[in-house]
Amino acid sequence: MSRHVRSLAAVAILTAGSIVAAHATYRYFFPYGWSHCCDKQLYFALLHYADMNGGSFPSGGPTPEASLGQIHATRPEGYAYLLCGKTGSEMATQQILDQDLPLDESSCGWNYVEGLRADDDGRLALFWDREGLGHNGERLSGGGHVVMFVDGATRHIPESEWEAFLHEQQELHQQRHNVQQVEQSPEVP
């Protein structure tokens, strides 16, 4: 084999190896591919819904995802591109919405906490990405989830803090429930 042929073979092997390595790296950092399903847009859609519904975020559906799907009707072109999340199929979600069927875990990529109001404690979590991906579909350092709160703040909760976060959320919901019971109880003379 001539030196020229060996050089070309080496270049071809290195190029192929570089392409495979680049693809593997990309798939590691973006396991479902790059996506931009903006949690801020979803938050603003929820705020718009709350503004039109006395401050209440969507609720009352057969599943939390179905409740979240109620925002779809507030926009002429709909919100299928947001509701499918970072890993779902916009087309599949759109077909479900077009048939007036409720969304579920397979058609909505968000964990949504229903029953909240825009004037609730801002520390209450409103939603987070089901798979635990970053803004553009990338893996999060430390795992966990980026959580959107009632006040519009976002925070990355690493996997190592997730159980404590869920416990804190349960306590906040219990406090909210206790306040509502006091506000709804009849006054005693």
Protein backbone atom coordinates (compact mmCIF):
# COMPACT_ATOMS: atom_id res chain seq x y z
CA MET A 1 0.00 0.00 0.00
CA SER A 2 1.44 3.36 -0.97
CA ARG A 3 2.03 6.12 1.48
CA HIS A 4 -0.64 8.25 -0.20
CA VAL A 5 -3.30 5.53 0.19
CA ARG A 6 -2.39 4.99 3.86
CA SER A 7 -2.67 8.73 4.47
CA LEU A 8 -6.10 8.89 2.84
CA ALA A 9 -7.26 5.84 4.83
CA ALA A 10 -6.03 7.43 8.07
CA VAL A 11 -7.85 10.70 7.26
CA ALA A 12 -11.05 8.78 6.43
CA ILE A 13 -10.88 6.77 9.67
CA LEU A 14 -10.19 9.89 11.76
CA THR A 15 -13.02 11.78 10.06
CA ALA A 16 -15.48 8.91 10.60
CA GLY A 17 -14.36 8.59 14.23
CA SER A 18 -14.80 12.32 14.78
CA ILE A 19 -18.31 12.24 13.31
CA VAL A 20 -19.31 9.27 15.49
CA ALA A 21 -17.82 10.93 18.59
CA ALA A 22 -19.58 14.23 17.84
CA HIS A 23 -22.91 12.46 17.35
CA ALA A 24 -22.48 10.44 20.56
CA THR A 25 -21.62 13.60 22.49
CA TYR A 26 -24.65 15.41 21.06
CA ARG A 27 -26.96 12.49 21.93
CA TYR A 28 -25.57 12.39 25.46
CA PHE A 29 -26.18 16.07 26.11
CA PHE A 30 -29.47 16.18 24.15
CA PRO A 31 -31.00 12.69 24.69
CA TYR A 32 -34.22 13.58 22.85
CA GLY A 33 -32.58 16.01 20.43
CA TRP A 34 -32.47 19.78 20.64
CA SER A 35 -35.81 21.34 21.40
CA HIS A 36 -37.06 24.67 22.53
CA CYS A 37 -40.28 24.23 24.41
CA CYS A 38 -40.09 27.36 26.45
CA ASP A 39 -41.26 27.06 30.03
CA LYS A 40 -41.54 30.87 30.19
CA GLN A 41 -44.02 30.82 27.29
CA LEU A 42 -46.02 28.14 29.07
CA TYR A 43 -45.98 30.23 32.24
CA PHE A 44 -47.26 33.31 30.38
CA ALA A 45 -49.99 31.22 28.73
CA LEU A 46 -51.03 30.04 32.20
CA LEU A 47 -51.03 33.63 33.50
CA HIS A 48 -53.19 34.69 30.56
CA TYR A 49 -55.60 31.86 31.38
CA ALA A 50 -55.66 32.92 35.05
CA ASP A 51 -56.34 36.55 34.07
CA MET A 52 -59.35 35.37 32.08
CA ASN A 53 -60.57 33.07 34.89
CA GLY A 54 -60.59 35.14 38.07
CA GLY A 55 -56.98 34.37 38.94
CA SER A 56 -57.35 30.57 38.81
CA PHE A 57 -54.96 28.42 36.84
CA PRO A 58 -56.58 25.54 34.88
CA SER A 59 -58.09 22.73 36.94
CA GLY A 60 -60.91 20.22 36.98
CA GLY A 61 -59.78 17.92 34.17
CA PRO A 62 -59.62 14.14 34.54
CA THR A 63 -55.81 14.44 34.82
CA PRO A 64 -53.49 17.35 35.62
CA GLU A 65 -52.32 17.20 31.99
CA ALA A 66 -55.93 17.51 30.79
CA SER A 67 -56.38 20.54 33.05
CA LEU A 68 -53.22 22.10 31.63
CA GLY A 69 -54.60 21.47 28.14
CA GLN A 70 -57.38 23.99 28.84
CA ILE A 71 -54.98 26.79 27.88
CA HIS A 72 -55.13 25.53 24.27
CA ALA A 73 -58.53 27.16 23.70
CA THR A 74 -57.30 30.62 24.76
CA ARG A 75 -55.20 31.11 21.62
CA PRO A 76 -56.49 30.87 18.02
CA GLU A 77 -53.52 28.81 16.81
CA GLY A 78 -53.41 26.84 20.06
CA TYR A 79 -50.58 25.66 22.27
CA ALA A 80 -49.82 22.12 21.09
CA TYR A 81 -46.18 23.11 20.54
CA LEU A 82 -45.91 23.99 24.25
CA LEU A 83 -48.11 21.28 25.71
CA CYS A 84 -46.19 18.41 24.12
CA GLY A 85 -43.15 19.45 26.17
CA LYS A 86 -39.51 18.88 25.32
CA THR A 87 -39.86 15.20 24.46
CA GLY A 88 -43.34 14.82 23.01
CA SER A 89 -44.70 15.03 19.50
CA GLU A 90 -46.38 18.32 18.65
CA MET A 91 -48.33 16.58 15.88
CA ALA A 92 -49.64 13.85 18.20
CA THR A 93 -50.61 16.41 20.84
CA GLN A 94 -52.34 18.55 18.19
CA GLN A 95 -54.35 15.53 16.98
CA ILE A 96 -55.55 14.82 20.52
CA LEU A 97 -56.52 18.46 21.05
CA ASP A 98 -58.27 18.61 17.64
CA GLN A 99 -60.42 15.64 18.72
CA ASP A 100 -61.28 17.38 22.02
CA LEU A 101 -59.72 14.50 23.94
CA PRO A 102 -57.99 15.10 27.29
CA LEU A 103 -54.21 15.20 27.42
CA ASP A 104 -52.41 12.64 29.56
CA GLU A 105 -48.82 11.72 30.41
CA SER A 106 -48.19 10.35 26.93
CA SER A 107 -49.30 13.53 25.16
CA CYS A 108 -48.10 16.23 27.57
CA GLY A 109 -44.49 16.57 28.66
CA TRP A 110 -45.11 18.58 31.82
CA ASN A 111 -45.83 17.77 35.45
CA TYR A 112 -48.50 20.34 36.26
CA VAL A 113 -49.83 21.16 39.73
CA GLU A 114 -53.49 21.98 39.33
CA GLY A 115 -55.76 23.90 41.66
CA LEU A 116 -53.46 26.89 42.19
CA ARG A 117 -54.18 30.58 41.75
CA ALA A 118 -52.01 33.42 40.48
CA ASP A 119 -52.18 35.06 43.93
CA ASP A 120 -51.02 31.94 45.82
CA ASP A 121 -47.70 31.73 47.65
CA GLY A 122 -45.03 32.33 45.02
CA ARG A 123 -42.95 29.46 46.42
CA LEU A 124 -45.49 26.90 45.20
CA ALA A 125 -44.34 24.93 42.17
CA LEU A 126 -46.64 25.32 39.17
CA PHE A 127 -44.98 22.92 36.69
CA TRP A 128 -41.75 21.24 35.60
CA ASP A 129 -40.53 19.16 32.67
CA ARG A 130 -41.37 15.49 33.19
CA GLU A 131 -38.01 14.20 31.89
CA GLY A 132 -35.85 16.72 33.73
CA LEU A 133 -34.29 18.52 30.78
CA GLY A 134 -32.93 22.04 30.46
CA HIS A 135 -34.28 24.96 28.44
CA ASN A 136 -33.16 23.53 25.08
CA GLY A 137 -33.66 19.85 25.86
CA GLU A 138 -30.20 19.32 27.34
CA ARG A 139 -29.38 17.10 30.30
CA LEU A 140 -29.16 19.00 33.56
CA SER A 141 -25.98 18.93 35.57
CA GLY A 142 -26.87 17.01 38.72
CA GLY A 143 -30.11 15.69 37.21
CA GLY A 144 -33.34 16.91 38.75
CA HIS A 145 -35.75 19.38 37.18
CA VAL A 146 -36.10 23.06 36.36
CA VAL A 147 -39.23 24.13 38.23
CA MET A 148 -41.49 27.07 37.39
CA PHE A 149 -43.11 28.64 40.44
CA VAL A 150 -46.39 30.54 40.80
CA ASP A 151 -44.50 33.85 40.98
CA GLY A 152 -42.71 33.17 37.66
CA ALA A 153 -39.34 32.31 39.16
CA THR A 154 -37.50 29.25 37.90
CA ARG A 155 -35.03 27.15 39.82
CA HIS A 156 -33.04 24.04 39.02
CA ILE A 157 -33.63 21.49 41.76
CA PRO A 158 -30.86 18.86 41.49
CA GLU A 159 -31.77 15.20 41.92
CA SER A 160 -29.94 15.18 45.28
CA GLU A 161 -32.41 17.82 46.61
CA TRP A 162 -35.56 16.56 44.87
CA GLU A 163 -37.10 14.63 47.80
CA ALA A 164 -36.57 17.57 50.18
CA PHE A 165 -38.13 19.89 47.58
CA LEU A 166 -41.20 17.66 47.26
CA HIS A 167 -41.53 17.56 51.07
CA GLU A 168 -41.34 21.37 51.20
CA GLN A 169 -44.03 21.58 48.51
CA GLN A 170 -46.31 19.28 50.53
CA GLU A 171 -45.89 21.56 53.55
CA LEU A 172 -46.66 24.66 51.47
CA HIS A 173 -49.80 23.00 50.07
CA GLN A 174 -50.88 22.03 53.58
CA GLN A 175 -50.42 25.63 54.77
CA ARG A 176 -52.43 26.81 51.76
CA HIS A 177 -55.18 24.30 52.57
CA ASN A 178 -55.26 25.41 56.24
CA VAL A 179 -55.53 29.10 55.24
CA GLN A 180 -58.39 28.31 52.85
CA GLN A 181 -60.27 26.42 55.58
CA VAL A 182 -59.93 29.38 57.98
CA GLU A 183 -61.08 31.83 55.30
CA GLN A 184 -64.11 29.67 54.45
CA SER A 185 -65.22 28.91 58.02
CA PRO A 186 -68.20 30.86 59.33
CA GLU A 187 -67.49 33.54 61.88
CA VAL A 188 -68.33 32.62 65.44
CA PRO A 189 -69.97 35.43 67.45
